[in-house]
């Protein structure tokens, strides 16, 4: 299974919440799941958005 979306929203434990191309959608889902340590993984720039709630 291949996903071509740019952003992947994951929890702190690595569970994938959403694949999306829109940063606004990814940020909204990250905010909804911030208690779980959600972060955004960007395929083009892997370290840019990787900030969790606990940092």
PDB file of N, CA and C in Angstrom:
ATOM      1  N   UNK A   1       0.850  -1.170   0.000  1.00  0.00           N
ATOM      2  CA  UNK A   1       0.000   0.000   0.000  1.00  0.00           C
ATOM      3  C   UNK A   1       0.900   1.239   0.000  1.00  0.00           C
ATOM      4  N   UNK A   2       0.746   2.071  -0.991  1.00  0.00           N
ATOM      5  CA  UNK A   2       1.576   3.259  -1.109  1.00  0.00           C
ATOM      6  C   UNK A   2       0.721   4.509  -0.978  1.00  0.00           C
ATOM      7  N   UNK A   3       1.172   5.416  -0.127  1.00  0.00           N
ATOM      8  CA  UNK A   3       0.480   6.686   0.049  1.00  0.00           C
ATOM      9  C   UNK A   3       1.362   7.782  -0.521  1.00  0.00           C
ATOM     10  N   UNK A   4       0.806   8.659  -1.334  1.00  0.00           N
ATOM     11  CA  UNK A   4       1.579   9.708  -1.967  1.00  0.00           C
ATOM     12  C   UNK A   4       1.388  11.056  -1.293  1.00  0.00           C
ATOM     13  N   UNK A   5       0.614  11.113  -0.213  1.00  0.00           N
ATOM     14  CA  UNK A   5       0.386  12.365   0.472  1.00  0.00           C
ATOM     15  C   UNK A   5       1.671  12.841   1.142  1.00  0.00           C
ATOM     16  N   UNK A   6       1.815  14.155   1.289  1.00  0.00           N
ATOM     17  CA  UNK A   6       3.053  14.726   1.820  1.00  0.00           C
ATOM     18  C   UNK A   6       3.143  14.610   3.335  1.00  0.00           C
ATOM     19  N   UNK A   7       2.055  14.856   4.046  1.00  0.00           N
ATOM     20  CA  UNK A   7       2.084  14.886   5.506  1.00  0.00           C
ATOM     21  C   UNK A   7       1.455  13.637   6.107  1.00  0.00           C
ATOM     22  N   UNK A   8       2.083  13.131   7.162  1.00  0.00           N
ATOM     23  CA  UNK A   8       1.554  11.997   7.908  1.00  0.00           C
ATOM     24  C   UNK A   8       1.451  12.444   9.357  1.00  0.00           C
ATOM     25  N   UNK A   9       0.274  12.331   9.951  1.00  0.00           N
ATOM     26  CA  UNK A   9       0.086  12.678  11.355  1.00  0.00           C
ATOM     27  C   UNK A   9       0.149  11.382  12.151  1.00  0.00           C
ATOM     28  N   UNK A  10       1.068  11.343  13.128  1.00  0.00           N
ATOM     29  CA  UNK A  10       1.264  10.147  13.947  1.00  0.00           C
ATOM     30  C   UNK A  10       1.183  10.493  15.418  1.00  0.00           C
ATOM     31  N   UNK A  11       0.858   9.489  16.236  1.00  0.00           N
ATOM     32  CA  UNK A  11       0.892   9.668  17.684  1.00  0.00           C
ATOM     33  C   UNK A  11       2.308   9.401  18.171  1.00  0.00           C
ATOM     34  N   UNK A  12       2.541   9.683  19.438  1.00  0.00           N
ATOM     35  CA  UNK A  12       3.858   9.451  20.020  1.00  0.00           C
ATOM     36  C   UNK A  12       4.278   7.993  19.984  1.00  0.00           C
ATOM     37  N   UNK A  13       3.310   7.086  19.935  1.00  0.00           N
ATOM     38  CA  UNK A  13       3.614   5.655  19.893  1.00  0.00           C
ATOM     39  C   UNK A  13       3.740   5.126  18.472  1.00  0.00           C
ATOM     40  N   UNK A  14       3.615   6.011  17.477  1.00  0.00           N
ATOM     41  CA  UNK A  14       3.796   5.601  16.089  1.00  0.00           C
ATOM     42  C   UNK A  14       2.531   5.224  15.346  1.00  0.00           C
ATOM     43  N   UNK A  15       1.365   5.353  15.972  1.00  0.00           N
ATOM     44  CA  UNK A  15       0.108   5.037  15.301  1.00  0.00           C
ATOM     45  C   UNK A  15      -0.200   6.129  14.278  1.00  0.00           C
ATOM     46  N   UNK A  16      -0.501   5.742  13.056  1.00  0.00           N
ATOM     47  CA  UNK A  16      -0.810   6.703  12.000  1.00  0.00           C
ATOM     48  C   UNK A  16      -2.263   7.143  12.131  1.00  0.00           C
ATOM     49  N   UNK A  17      -2.467   8.463  12.202  1.00  0.00           N
ATOM     50  CA  UNK A  17      -3.809   9.009  12.323  1.00  0.00           C
ATOM     51  C   UNK A  17      -4.382   9.440  10.974  1.00  0.00           C
ATOM     52  N   UNK A  18      -3.535  10.051  10.121  1.00  0.00           N
ATOM     53  CA  UNK A  18      -4.046  10.599   8.857  1.00  0.00           C
ATOM     54  C   UNK A  18      -2.914  10.829   7.863  1.00  0.00           C
ATOM     55  N   UNK A  19      -3.195  10.561   6.589  1.00  0.00           N
ATOM     56  CA  UNK A  19      -2.329  10.933   5.474  1.00  0.00           C
ATOM     57  C   UNK A  19      -3.015  12.107   4.778  1.00  0.00           C
ATOM     58  N   UNK A  20      -2.287  13.196   4.498  1.00  0.00           N
ATOM     59  CA  UNK A  20      -2.902  14.340   3.851  1.00  0.00           C
ATOM     60  C   UNK A  20      -1.874  15.166   3.089  1.00  0.00           C
ATOM     61  N   UNK A  21      -2.364  15.951   2.135  1.00  0.00           N
ATOM     62  CA  UNK A  21      -1.520  16.899   1.419  1.00  0.00           C
ATOM     63  C   UNK A  21      -1.669  18.307   1.973  1.00  0.00           C
ATOM     64  N   UNK A  22      -2.659  18.541   2.793  1.00  0.00           N
ATOM     65  CA  UNK A  22      -2.948  19.877   3.310  1.00  0.00           C
ATOM     66  C   UNK A  22      -2.384  20.046   4.717  1.00  0.00           C
ATOM     67  N   UNK A  23      -1.550  21.053   4.902  1.00  0.00           N
ATOM     68  CA  UNK A  23      -0.938  21.309   6.193  1.00  0.00           C
ATOM     69  C   UNK A  23      -1.983  21.729   7.228  1.00  0.00           C
ATOM     70  N   UNK A  24      -2.995  22.493   6.818  1.00  0.00           N
ATOM     71  CA  UNK A  24      -4.038  22.934   7.751  1.00  0.00           C
ATOM     72  C   UNK A  24      -4.754  21.742   8.377  1.00  0.00           C
ATOM     73  N   UNK A  25      -5.094  20.759   7.581  1.00  0.00           N
ATOM     74  CA  UNK A  25      -5.760  19.555   8.074  1.00  0.00           C
ATOM     75  C   UNK A  25      -4.849  18.802   9.032  1.00  0.00           C
ATOM     76  N   UNK A  26      -3.577  18.692   8.675  1.00  0.00           N
ATOM     77  CA  UNK A  26      -2.621  17.993   9.526  1.00  0.00           C
ATOM     78  C   UNK A  26      -2.457  18.688  10.870  1.00  0.00           C
ATOM     79  N   UNK A  27      -2.388  20.011  10.863  1.00  0.00           N
ATOM     80  CA  UNK A  27      -2.254  20.768  12.112  1.00  0.00           C
ATOM     81  C   UNK A  27      -3.497  20.632  12.991  1.00  0.00           C
ATOM     82  N   UNK A  28      -4.655  20.598  12.366  1.00  0.00           N
ATOM     83  CA  UNK A  28      -5.911  20.455  13.107  1.00  0.00           C
ATOM     84  C   UNK A  28      -5.972  19.088  13.808  1.00  0.00           C
ATOM     85  N   UNK A  29      -5.591  18.035  13.113  1.00  0.00           N
ATOM     86  CA  UNK A  29      -5.604  16.695  13.692  1.00  0.00           C
ATOM     87  C   UNK A  29      -4.545  16.583  14.781  1.00  0.00           C
ATOM     88  N   UNK A  30      -3.389  17.198  14.550  1.00  0.00           N
ATOM     89  CA  UNK A  30      -2.325  17.203  15.562  1.00  0.00           C
ATOM     90  C   UNK A  30      -2.821  17.869  16.844  1.00  0.00           C
ATOM     91  N   UNK A  31      -3.536  18.971  16.718  1.00  0.00           N
ATOM     92  CA  UNK A  31      -4.058  19.693  17.873  1.00  0.00           C
ATOM     93  C   UNK A  31      -5.107  18.861  18.617  1.00  0.00           C
ATOM     94  N   UNK A  32      -5.952  18.143  17.876  1.00  0.00           N
ATOM     95  CA  UNK A  32      -6.977  17.303  18.488  1.00  0.00           C
ATOM     96  C   UNK A  32      -6.375  16.144  19.286  1.00  0.00           C
ATOM     97  N   UNK A  33      -5.209  15.658  18.876  1.00  0.00           N
ATOM     98  CA  UNK A  33      -4.581  14.497  19.504  1.00  0.00           C
ATOM     99  C   UNK A  33      -3.290  14.855  20.231  1.00  0.00           C
ATOM    100  N   UNK A  34      -3.157  16.101  20.666  1.00  0.00           N
ATOM    101  CA  UNK A  34      -1.897  16.523  21.287  1.00  0.00           C
ATOM    102  C   UNK A  34      -1.631  15.830  22.620  1.00  0.00           C
ATOM    103  N   UNK A  35      -2.653  15.388  23.314  1.00  0.00           N
ATOM    104  CA  UNK A  35      -2.462  14.691  24.588  1.00  0.00           C
ATOM    105  C   UNK A  35      -1.764  13.344  24.371  1.00  0.00           C
ATOM    106  N   UNK A  36      -1.892  12.779  23.170  1.00  0.00           N
ATOM    107  CA  UNK A  36      -1.238  11.514  22.822  1.00  0.00           C
ATOM    108  C   UNK A  36       0.172  11.738  22.271  1.00  0.00           C
ATOM    109  N   UNK A  37       0.610  12.993  22.197  1.00  0.00           N
ATOM    110  CA  UNK A  37       1.940  13.290  21.670  1.00  0.00           C
ATOM    111  C   UNK A  37       1.989  13.277  20.155  1.00  0.00           C
ATOM    112  N   UNK A  38       0.905  13.694  19.512  1.00  0.00           N
ATOM    113  CA  UNK A  38       0.829  13.663  18.052  1.00  0.00           C
ATOM    114  C   UNK A  38       1.829  14.625  17.423  1.00  0.00           C
ATOM    115  N   UNK A  39       2.354  14.226  16.269  1.00  0.00           N
ATOM    116  CA  UNK A  39       3.263  15.072  15.512  1.00  0.00           C
ATOM    117  C   UNK A  39       3.042  14.852  14.024  1.00  0.00           C
ATOM    118  N   UNK A  40       3.572  15.779  13.230  1.00  0.00           N
ATOM    119  CA  UNK A  40       3.429  15.719  11.781  1.00  0.00           C
ATOM    120  C   UNK A  40       4.760  15.302  11.184  1.00  0.00           C
ATOM    121  N   UNK A  41       4.713  14.314  10.317  1.00  0.00           N
ATOM    122  CA  UNK A  41       5.901  13.884   9.592  1.00  0.00           C
ATOM    123  C   UNK A  41       5.766  14.380   8.152  1.00  0.00           C
ATOM    124  N   UNK A  42       6.737  15.154   7.711  1.00  0.00           N
ATOM    125  CA  UNK A  42       6.738  15.736   6.378  1.00  0.00           C
ATOM    126  C   UNK A  42       7.683  14.926   5.504  1.00  0.00           C
ATOM    127  N   UNK A  43       7.184  14.379   4.398  1.00  0.00           N
ATOM    128  CA  UNK A  43       8.016  13.538   3.533  1.00  0.00           C
ATOM    129  C   UNK A  43       9.124  14.331   2.849  1.00  0.00           C
ATOM    130  N   UNK A  44       8.889  15.617   2.546  1.00  0.00           N
ATOM    131  CA  UNK A  44       9.906  16.416   1.862  1.00  0.00           C
ATOM    132  C   UNK A  44      10.943  16.969   2.824  1.00  0.00           C
ATOM    133  N   UNK A  45      10.553  17.233   4.060  1.00  0.00           N
ATOM    134  CA  UNK A  45      11.467  17.769   5.061  1.00  0.00           C
ATOM    135  C   UNK A  45      11.161  17.075   6.386  1.00  0.00           C
ATOM    136  N   UNK A  46      11.730  15.913   6.651  1.00  0.00           N
ATOM    137  CA  UNK A  46      11.355  15.071   7.792  1.00  0.00           C
ATOM    138  C   UNK A  46      11.479  15.709   9.174  1.00  0.00           C
ATOM    139  N   UNK A  47      12.386  16.649   9.388  1.00  0.00           N
ATOM    140  CA  UNK A  47      12.588  17.196  10.726  1.00  0.00           C
ATOM    141  C   UNK A  47      11.845  18.499  10.977  1.00  0.00           C
ATOM    142  N   UNK A  48      11.209  19.067   9.980  1.00  0.00           N
ATOM    143  CA  UNK A  48      10.597  20.393  10.101  1.00  0.00           C
ATOM    144  C   UNK A  48       9.466  20.463  11.117  1.00  0.00           C
ATOM    145  N   UNK A  49       8.493  19.576  11.036  1.00  0.00           N
ATOM    146  CA  UNK A  49       7.296  19.641  11.872  1.00  0.00           C
ATOM    147  C   UNK A  49       7.305  18.657  13.032  1.00  0.00           C
ATOM    148  N   UNK A  50       8.378  17.926  13.224  1.00  0.00           N
ATOM    149  CA  UNK A  50       8.387  16.874  14.242  1.00  0.00           C
ATOM    150  C   UNK A  50       8.605  17.484  15.621  1.00  0.00           C
ATOM    151  N   UNK A  51       7.538  18.039  16.158  1.00  0.00           N
ATOM    152  CA  UNK A  51       7.539  18.580  17.509  1.00  0.00           C
ATOM    153  C   UNK A  51       6.325  17.988  18.223  1.00  0.00           C
ATOM    154  N   UNK A  52       6.557  17.350  19.331  1.00  0.00           N
ATOM    155  CA  UNK A  52       5.442  16.741  20.037  1.00  0.00           C
ATOM    156  C   UNK A  52       4.984  17.657  21.162  1.00  0.00           C
ATOM    157  N   UNK A  53       3.903  17.293  21.771  1.00  0.00           N
ATOM    158  CA  UNK A  53       3.332  18.046  22.889  1.00  0.00           C
ATOM    159  C   UNK A  53       4.273  18.061  24.081  1.00  0.00           C
ATOM    160  N   UNK A  54       5.103  17.050  24.236  1.00  0.00           N
ATOM    161  CA  UNK A  54       5.941  16.916  25.413  1.00  0.00           C
ATOM    162  C   UNK A  54       7.279  17.630  25.305  1.00  0.00           C
ATOM    163  N   UNK A  55       7.625  18.201  24.162  1.00  0.00           N
ATOM    164  CA  UNK A  55       8.916  18.882  24.002  1.00  0.00           C
ATOM    165  C   UNK A  55       8.888  20.254  24.599  1.00  0.00           C
TER     166      UNK A  55
END
